[in-house]
Amino acid sequence: MKISIEVPETVFSALRKNPEEFIQEMRIASAVKWYELGEVSQAKAAEIAGLTRSEFIQALPRYRVDFMQYTAEELEMEMNNVD
């Protein structure tokens, strides 16, 4: 699915990003925030961001978000699902 949004052209120069870089940054920032709020898992956040899970985890410190957003129960479930 493709979604279109309108953004003032001045945003690109203010952030020193071209439109493609801006869109990628929006995807990552949104995914990181939703992950931080517990709305999505690491795997789903990585998918939203267009990154591998490893790349997503590596991006988290830039946003000052800890990669461990699990409750004890969620961590146990995650550990049991490792192949």
PDB file of N, CA and C in Angstrom:
ATOM      1  N   MET A   1       0.835  -1.168   0.000  1.00  0.00           N
ATOM      2  CA  MET A   1       0.000   0.000   0.000  1.00  0.00           C
ATOM      3  C   MET A   1       0.885   1.237   0.000  1.00  0.00           C
ATOM      4  N   LYS A   2       0.444   2.225  -0.676  1.00  0.00           N
ATOM      5  CA  LYS A   2       1.180   3.483  -0.747  1.00  0.00           C
ATOM      6  C   LYS A   2       0.309   4.586  -0.170  1.00  0.00           C
ATOM      7  N   ILE A   3       0.916   5.419   0.689  1.00  0.00           N
ATOM      8  CA  ILE A   3       0.216   6.529   1.312  1.00  0.00           C
ATOM      9  C   ILE A   3       0.935   7.813   0.941  1.00  0.00           C
ATOM     10  N   SER A   4       0.171   8.825   0.601  1.00  0.00           N
ATOM     11  CA  SER A   4       0.759  10.123   0.254  1.00  0.00           C
ATOM     12  C   SER A   4       0.472  11.122   1.368  1.00  0.00           C
ATOM     13  N   ILE A   5       1.489  11.934   1.682  1.00  0.00           N
ATOM     14  CA  ILE A   5       1.293  13.022   2.640  1.00  0.00           C
ATOM     15  C   ILE A   5       1.894  14.290   2.037  1.00  0.00           C
ATOM     16  N   GLU A   6       1.357  15.406   2.446  1.00  0.00           N
ATOM     17  CA  GLU A   6       1.883  16.683   1.988  1.00  0.00           C
ATOM     18  C   GLU A   6       2.769  17.266   3.078  1.00  0.00           C
ATOM     19  N   VAL A   7       3.962  17.679   2.689  1.00  0.00           N
ATOM     20  CA  VAL A   7       4.934  18.260   3.612  1.00  0.00           C
ATOM     21  C   VAL A   7       5.459  19.540   2.972  1.00  0.00           C
ATOM     22  N   PRO A   8       5.536  20.619   3.737  1.00  0.00           N
ATOM     23  CA  PRO A   8       6.092  21.845   3.167  1.00  0.00           C
ATOM     24  C   PRO A   8       7.518  21.612   2.670  1.00  0.00           C
ATOM     25  N   GLU A   9       7.832  22.141   1.527  1.00  0.00           N
ATOM     26  CA  GLU A   9       9.150  21.933   0.925  1.00  0.00           C
ATOM     27  C   GLU A   9      10.279  22.443   1.823  1.00  0.00           C
ATOM     28  N   THR A  10       9.996  23.422   2.654  1.00  0.00           N
ATOM     29  CA  THR A  10      11.020  23.981   3.536  1.00  0.00           C
ATOM     30  C   THR A  10      11.498  22.979   4.590  1.00  0.00           C
ATOM     31  N   VAL A  11      10.710  21.961   4.852  1.00  0.00           N
ATOM     32  CA  VAL A  11      11.089  20.937   5.828  1.00  0.00           C
ATOM     33  C   VAL A  11      12.378  20.243   5.408  1.00  0.00           C
ATOM     34  N   PHE A  12      12.511  19.958   4.134  1.00  0.00           N
ATOM     35  CA  PHE A  12      13.679  19.223   3.642  1.00  0.00           C
ATOM     36  C   PHE A  12      14.976  19.991   3.889  1.00  0.00           C
ATOM     37  N   SER A  13      14.958  21.281   3.596  1.00  0.00           N
ATOM     38  CA  SER A  13      16.171  22.066   3.815  1.00  0.00           C
ATOM     39  C   SER A  13      16.423  22.270   5.309  1.00  0.00           C
ATOM     40  N   ALA A  14      15.372  22.431   6.088  1.00  0.00           N
ATOM     41  CA  ALA A  14      15.534  22.618   7.532  1.00  0.00           C
ATOM     42  C   ALA A  14      16.174  21.387   8.170  1.00  0.00           C
ATOM     43  N   LEU A  15      15.807  20.220   7.694  1.00  0.00           N
ATOM     44  CA  LEU A  15      16.352  18.973   8.240  1.00  0.00           C
ATOM     45  C   LEU A  15      17.576  18.473   7.477  1.00  0.00           C
ATOM     46  N   ARG A  16      17.922  19.210   6.426  1.00  0.00           N
ATOM     47  CA  ARG A  16      19.059  18.845   5.577  1.00  0.00           C
ATOM     48  C   ARG A  16      18.932  17.424   5.026  1.00  0.00           C
ATOM     49  N   LYS A  17      17.747  17.133   4.539  1.00  0.00           N
ATOM     50  CA  LYS A  17      17.472  15.824   3.958  1.00  0.00           C
ATOM     51  C   LYS A  17      16.725  16.006   2.647  1.00  0.00           C
ATOM     52  N   ASN A  18      17.004  15.109   1.716  1.00  0.00           N
ATOM     53  CA  ASN A  18      16.217  15.109   0.495  1.00  0.00           C
ATOM     54  C   ASN A  18      14.915  14.354   0.782  1.00  0.00           C
ATOM     55  N   PRO A  19      13.927  14.430  -0.103  1.00  0.00           N
ATOM     56  CA  PRO A  19      12.634  13.794   0.180  1.00  0.00           C
ATOM     57  C   PRO A  19      12.727  12.302   0.518  1.00  0.00           C
ATOM     58  N   GLU A  20      13.580  11.557  -0.160  1.00  0.00           N
ATOM     59  CA  GLU A  20      13.709  10.127   0.110  1.00  0.00           C
ATOM     60  C   GLU A  20      14.274   9.880   1.510  1.00  0.00           C
ATOM     61  N   GLU A  21      15.287  10.658   1.880  1.00  0.00           N
ATOM     62  CA  GLU A  21      15.875  10.531   3.222  1.00  0.00           C
ATOM     63  C   GLU A  21      14.852  10.926   4.293  1.00  0.00           C
ATOM     64  N   PHE A  22      14.075  11.957   4.015  1.00  0.00           N
ATOM     65  CA  PHE A  22      13.057  12.417   4.950  1.00  0.00           C
ATOM     66  C   PHE A  22      12.013  11.327   5.198  1.00  0.00           C
ATOM     67  N   ILE A  23      11.543  10.706   4.122  1.00  0.00           N
ATOM     68  CA  ILE A  23      10.548   9.636   4.248  1.00  0.00           C
ATOM     69  C   ILE A  23      11.115   8.475   5.049  1.00  0.00           C
ATOM     70  N   GLN A  24      12.349   8.079   4.767  1.00  0.00           N
ATOM     71  CA  GLN A  24      12.962   6.981   5.515  1.00  0.00           C
ATOM     72  C   GLN A  24      13.083   7.347   6.991  1.00  0.00           C
ATOM     73  N   GLU A  25      13.483   8.573   7.277  1.00  0.00           N
ATOM     74  CA  GLU A  25      13.609   9.019   8.669  1.00  0.00           C
ATOM     75  C   GLU A  25      12.249   9.033   9.364  1.00  0.00           C
ATOM     76  N   MET A  26      11.199   9.433   8.654  1.00  0.00           N
ATOM     77  CA  MET A  26       9.853   9.405   9.224  1.00  0.00           C
ATOM     78  C   MET A  26       9.431   7.988   9.567  1.00  0.00           C
ATOM     79  N   ARG A  27       9.744   7.055   8.686  1.00  0.00           N
ATOM     80  CA  ARG A  27       9.387   5.653   8.938  1.00  0.00           C
ATOM     81  C   ARG A  27      10.098   5.135  10.186  1.00  0.00           C
ATOM     82  N   ILE A  28      11.392   5.440  10.291  1.00  0.00           N
ATOM     83  CA  ILE A  28      12.164   4.974  11.443  1.00  0.00           C
ATOM     84  C   ILE A  28      11.660   5.633  12.721  1.00  0.00           C
ATOM     85  N   ALA A  29      11.476   6.949  12.696  1.00  0.00           N
ATOM     86  CA  ALA A  29      11.033   7.672  13.890  1.00  0.00           C
ATOM     87  C   ALA A  29       9.671   7.169  14.362  1.00  0.00           C
ATOM     88  N   SER A  30       8.767   6.946  13.436  1.00  0.00           N
ATOM     89  CA  SER A  30       7.442   6.435  13.796  1.00  0.00           C
ATOM     90  C   SER A  30       7.551   5.050  14.411  1.00  0.00           C
ATOM     91  N   ALA A  31       8.320   4.191  13.781  1.00  0.00           N
ATOM     92  CA  ALA A  31       8.478   2.829  14.280  1.00  0.00           C
ATOM     93  C   ALA A  31       9.113   2.812  15.663  1.00  0.00           C
ATOM     94  N   VAL A  32      10.124   3.648  15.867  1.00  0.00           N
ATOM     95  CA  VAL A  32      10.790   3.722  17.173  1.00  0.00           C
ATOM     96  C   VAL A  32       9.798   4.182  18.237  1.00  0.00           C
ATOM     97  N   LYS A  33       9.016   5.197  17.944  1.00  0.00           N
ATOM     98  CA  LYS A  33       8.052   5.710  18.933  1.00  0.00           C
ATOM     99  C   LYS A  33       7.002   4.659  19.258  1.00  0.00           C
ATOM    100  N   TRP A  34       6.460   4.001  18.254  1.00  0.00           N
ATOM    101  CA  TRP A  34       5.457   2.970  18.498  1.00  0.00           C
ATOM    102  C   TRP A  34       6.049   1.809  19.298  1.00  0.00           C
ATOM    103  N   TYR A  35       7.314   1.480  19.015  1.00  0.00           N
ATOM    104  CA  TYR A  35       7.993   0.442  19.789  1.00  0.00           C
ATOM    105  C   TYR A  35       8.167   0.902  21.232  1.00  0.00           C
ATOM    106  N   GLU A  36       8.621   2.130  21.426  1.00  0.00           N
ATOM    107  CA  GLU A  36       8.831   2.675  22.765  1.00  0.00           C
ATOM    108  C   GLU A  36       7.532   2.662  23.579  1.00  0.00           C
ATOM    109  N   LEU A  37       6.409   2.937  22.934  1.00  0.00           N
ATOM    110  CA  LEU A  37       5.109   2.961  23.602  1.00  0.00           C
ATOM    111  C   LEU A  37       4.517   1.567  23.801  1.00  0.00           C
ATOM    112  N   GLY A  38       5.186   0.549  23.245  1.00  0.00           N
ATOM    113  CA  GLY A  38       4.692  -0.815  23.383  1.00  0.00           C
ATOM    114  C   GLY A  38       3.581  -1.154  22.413  1.00  0.00           C
ATOM    115  N   GLU A  39       3.413  -0.335  21.386  1.00  0.00           N
ATOM    116  CA  GLU A  39       2.357  -0.563  20.397  1.00  0.00           C
ATOM    117  C   GLU A  39       2.707  -1.671  19.410  1.00  0.00           C
ATOM    118  N   VAL A  40       4.019  -1.826  19.139  1.00  0.00           N
ATOM    119  CA  VAL A  40       4.472  -2.846  18.184  1.00  0.00           C
ATOM    120  C   VAL A  40       5.713  -3.547  18.738  1.00  0.00           C
ATOM    121  N   SER A  41       5.963  -4.736  18.233  1.00  0.00           N
ATOM    122  CA  SER A  41       7.148  -5.499  18.614  1.00  0.00           C
ATOM    123  C   SER A  41       8.367  -4.976  17.867  1.00  0.00           C
ATOM    124  N   GLN A  42       9.546  -5.436  18.263  1.00  0.00           N
ATOM    125  CA  GLN A  42      10.766  -5.068  17.526  1.00  0.00           C
ATOM    126  C   GLN A  42      10.660  -5.502  16.074  1.00  0.00           C
ATOM    127  N   ALA A  43      10.187  -6.718  15.854  1.00  0.00           N
ATOM    128  CA  ALA A  43      10.100  -7.237  14.486  1.00  0.00           C
ATOM    129  C   ALA A  43       9.156  -6.389  13.633  1.00  0.00           C
ATOM    130  N   LYS A  44       7.990  -6.032  14.184  1.00  0.00           N
ATOM    131  CA  LYS A  44       7.027  -5.223  13.434  1.00  0.00           C
ATOM    132  C   LYS A  44       7.563  -3.809  13.228  1.00  0.00           C
ATOM    133  N   ALA A  45       8.219  -3.253  14.248  1.00  0.00           N
ATOM    134  CA  ALA A  45       8.806  -1.918  14.120  1.00  0.00           C
ATOM    135  C   ALA A  45       9.872  -1.901  13.035  1.00  0.00           C
ATOM    136  N   ALA A  46      10.692  -2.932  12.999  1.00  0.00           N
ATOM    137  CA  ALA A  46      11.723  -3.025  11.961  1.00  0.00           C
ATOM    138  C   ALA A  46      11.078  -3.068  10.580  1.00  0.00           C
ATOM    139  N   GLU A  47      10.001  -3.825  10.459  1.00  0.00           N
ATOM    140  CA  GLU A  47       9.282  -3.908   9.182  1.00  0.00           C
ATOM    141  C   GLU A  47       8.732  -2.542   8.780  1.00  0.00           C
ATOM    142  N   ILE A  48       8.128  -1.831   9.729  1.00  0.00           N
ATOM    143  CA  ILE A  48       7.588  -0.495   9.462  1.00  0.00           C
ATOM    144  C   ILE A  48       8.705   0.445   9.011  1.00  0.00           C
ATOM    145  N   ALA A  49       9.858   0.345   9.687  1.00  0.00           N
ATOM    146  CA  ALA A  49      10.990   1.224   9.390  1.00  0.00           C
ATOM    147  C   ALA A  49      11.699   0.855   8.096  1.00  0.00           C
ATOM    148  N   GLY A  50      11.428  -0.327   7.577  1.00  0.00           N
ATOM    149  CA  GLY A  50      12.123  -0.772   6.369  1.00  0.00           C
ATOM    150  C   GLY A  50      13.543  -1.217   6.666  1.00  0.00           C
ATOM    151  N   LEU A  51      13.748  -1.723   7.881  1.00  0.00           N
ATOM    152  CA  LEU A  51      15.075  -2.168   8.320  1.00  0.00           C
ATOM    153  C   LEU A  51      15.020  -3.625   8.746  1.00  0.00           C
ATOM    154  N   THR A  52      16.193  -4.243   8.846  1.00  0.00           N
ATOM    155  CA  THR A  52      16.248  -5.549   9.487  1.00  0.00           C
ATOM    156  C   THR A  52      16.074  -5.328  10.984  1.00  0.00           C
ATOM    157  N   ARG A  53      15.796  -6.370  11.707  1.00  0.00           N
ATOM    158  CA  ARG A  53      15.645  -6.218  13.160  1.00  0.00           C
ATOM    159  C   ARG A  53      16.947  -5.715  13.781  1.00  0.00           C
ATOM    160  N   SER A  54      18.063  -6.223  13.299  1.00  0.00           N
ATOM    161  CA  SER A  54      19.371  -5.790  13.807  1.00  0.00           C
ATOM    162  C   SER A  54      19.599  -4.309  13.527  1.00  0.00           C
ATOM    163  N   GLU A  55      19.283  -3.860  12.325  1.00  0.00           N
ATOM    164  CA  GLU A  55      19.431  -2.441  11.986  1.00  0.00           C
ATOM    165  C   GLU A  55      18.517  -1.579  12.841  1.00  0.00           C
ATOM    166  N   PHE A  56      17.300  -2.081  13.110  1.00  0.00           N
ATOM    167  CA  PHE A  56      16.371  -1.330  13.943  1.00  0.00           C
ATOM    168  C   PHE A  56      16.929  -1.178  15.365  1.00  0.00           C
ATOM    169  N   ILE A  57      17.432  -2.261  15.921  1.00  0.00           N
ATOM    170  CA  ILE A  57      18.012  -2.218  17.271  1.00  0.00           C
ATOM    171  C   ILE A  57      19.179  -1.235  17.306  1.00  0.00           C
ATOM    172  N   GLN A  58      19.986  -1.218  16.255  1.00  0.00           N
ATOM    173  CA  GLN A  58      21.126  -0.299  16.190  1.00  0.00           C
ATOM    174  C   GLN A  58      20.671   1.161  16.069  1.00  0.00           C
ATOM    175  N   ALA A  59      19.481   1.400  15.539  1.00  0.00           N
ATOM    176  CA  ALA A  59      18.965   2.763  15.387  1.00  0.00           C
ATOM    177  C   ALA A  59      18.388   3.313  16.695  1.00  0.00           C
ATOM    178  N   LEU A  60      18.007   2.460  17.615  1.00  0.00           N
ATOM    179  CA  LEU A  60      17.333   2.900  18.839  1.00  0.00           C
ATOM    180  C   LEU A  60      18.130   3.897  19.677  1.00  0.00           C
ATOM    181  N   PRO A  61      19.435   3.720  19.887  1.00  0.00           N
ATOM    182  CA  PRO A  61      20.166   4.692  20.716  1.00  0.00           C
ATOM    183  C   PRO A  61      20.122   6.125  20.179  1.00  0.00           C
ATOM    184  N   ARG A  62      20.029   6.271  18.878  1.00  0.00           N
ATOM    185  CA  ARG A  62      19.945   7.609  18.281  1.00  0.00           C
ATOM    186  C   ARG A  62      18.706   8.353  18.780  1.00  0.00           C
ATOM    187  N   TYR A  63      17.665   7.596  19.134  1.00  0.00           N
ATOM    188  CA  TYR A  63      16.420   8.176  19.640  1.00  0.00           C
ATOM    189  C   TYR A  63      16.308   8.052  21.163  1.00  0.00           C
ATOM    190  N   ARG A  64      17.409   7.610  21.777  1.00  0.00           N
ATOM    191  CA  ARG A  64      17.470   7.415  23.238  1.00  0.00           C
ATOM    192  C   ARG A  64      16.388   6.464  23.735  1.00  0.00           C
ATOM    193  N   VAL A  65      16.215   5.367  22.989  1.00  0.00           N
ATOM    194  CA  VAL A  65      15.245   4.340  23.354  1.00  0.00           C
ATOM    195  C   VAL A  65      16.004   3.047  23.612  1.00  0.00           C
ATOM    196  N   ASP A  66      15.722   2.432  24.746  1.00  0.00           N
ATOM    197  CA  ASP A  66      16.362   1.170  25.116  1.00  0.00           C
ATOM    198  C   ASP A  66      15.788   0.047  24.259  1.00  0.00           C
ATOM    199  N   PHE A  67      16.645  -0.863  23.843  1.00  0.00           N
ATOM    200  CA  PHE A  67      16.173  -1.972  23.019  1.00  0.00           C
ATOM    201  C   PHE A  67      15.340  -2.963  23.830  1.00  0.00           C
ATOM    202  N   MET A  68      15.448  -2.934  25.139  1.00  0.00           N
ATOM    203  CA  MET A  68      14.695  -3.840  26.004  1.00  0.00           C
ATOM    204  C   MET A  68      13.408  -3.160  26.450  1.00  0.00           C
ATOM    205  N   GLN A  69      12.340  -3.385  25.735  1.00  0.00           N
ATOM    206  CA  GLN A  69      11.037  -2.828  26.076  1.00  0.00           C
ATOM    207  C   GLN A  69      10.092  -3.957  26.492  1.00  0.00           C
ATOM    208  N   TYR A  70      10.671  -5.046  26.984  1.00  0.00           N
ATOM    209  CA  TYR A  70       9.888  -6.226  27.318  1.00  0.00           C
ATOM    210  C   TYR A  70       9.516  -6.271  28.789  1.00  0.00           C
ATOM    211  N   THR A  71       8.346  -6.826  29.067  1.00  0.00           N
ATOM    212  CA  THR A  71       8.034  -7.217  30.432  1.00  0.00           C
ATOM    213  C   THR A  71       8.711  -8.566  30.645  1.00  0.00           C
ATOM    214  N   ALA A  72       8.787  -9.031  31.859  1.00  0.00           N
ATOM    215  CA  ALA A  72       9.402 -10.332  32.141  1.00  0.00           C
ATOM    216  C   ALA A  72       8.691 -11.445  31.370  1.00  0.00           C
ATOM    217  N   GLU A  73       7.374 -11.378  31.297  1.00  0.00           N
ATOM    218  CA  GLU A  73       6.606 -12.408  30.595  1.00  0.00           C
ATOM    219  C   GLU A  73       6.893 -12.378  29.089  1.00  0.00           C
ATOM    220  N   GLU A  74       6.949 -11.169  28.519  1.00  0.00           N
ATOM    221  CA  GLU A  74       7.236 -11.033  27.086  1.00  0.00           C
ATOM    222  C   GLU A  74       8.634 -11.525  26.766  1.00  0.00           C
ATOM    223  N   LEU A  75       9.587 -11.235  27.631  1.00  0.00           N
ATOM    224  CA  LEU A  75      10.953 -11.685  27.420  1.00  0.00           C
ATOM    225  C   LEU A  75      11.020 -13.197  27.458  1.00  0.00           C
ATOM    226  N   GLU A  76      10.327 -13.808  28.385  1.00  0.00           N
ATOM    227  CA  GLU A  76      10.302 -15.269  28.466  1.00  0.00           C
ATOM    228  C   GLU A  76       9.701 -15.880  27.207  1.00  0.00           C
ATOM    229  N   MET A  77       8.599 -15.290  26.714  1.00  0.00           N
ATOM    230  CA  MET A  77       7.972 -15.780  25.478  1.00  0.00           C
ATOM    231  C   MET A  77       8.928 -15.629  24.303  1.00  0.00           C
ATOM    232  N   GLU A  78       9.621 -14.496  24.216  1.00  0.00           N
ATOM    233  CA  GLU A  78      10.571 -14.234  23.133  1.00  0.00           C
ATOM    234  C   GLU A  78      11.707 -15.253  23.175  1.00  0.00           C
ATOM    235  N   MET A  79      12.211 -15.508  24.378  1.00  0.00           N
ATOM    236  CA  MET A  79      13.321 -16.452  24.538  1.00  0.00           C
ATOM    237  C   MET A  79      12.896 -17.871  24.142  1.00  0.00           C
ATOM    238  N   ASN A  80      11.644 -18.228  24.414  1.00  0.00           N
ATOM    239  CA  ASN A  80      11.140 -19.552  24.060  1.00  0.00           C
ATOM    240  C   ASN A  80      10.884 -19.700  22.572  1.00  0.00           C
ATOM    241  N   ASN A  81      10.724 -18.587  21.861  1.00  0.00           N
ATOM    242  CA  ASN A  81      10.450 -18.622  20.421  1.00  0.00           C
ATOM    243  C   ASN A  81      11.703 -18.601  19.571  1.00  0.00           C
ATOM    244  N   VAL A  82      12.880 -18.489  20.184  1.00  0.00           N
ATOM    245  CA  VAL A  82      14.136 -18.458  19.435  1.00  0.00           C
ATOM    246  C   VAL A  82      14.406 -19.842  18.868  1.00  0.00           C
ATOM    247  N   ASP A  83      14.724 -19.867  17.589  1.00  0.00           N
ATOM    248  CA  ASP A  83      15.019 -21.156  16.938  1.00  0.00           C
ATOM    249  C   ASP A  83      16.441 -21.586  17.178  1.00  0.00           C
TER     250      ASP A  83
END
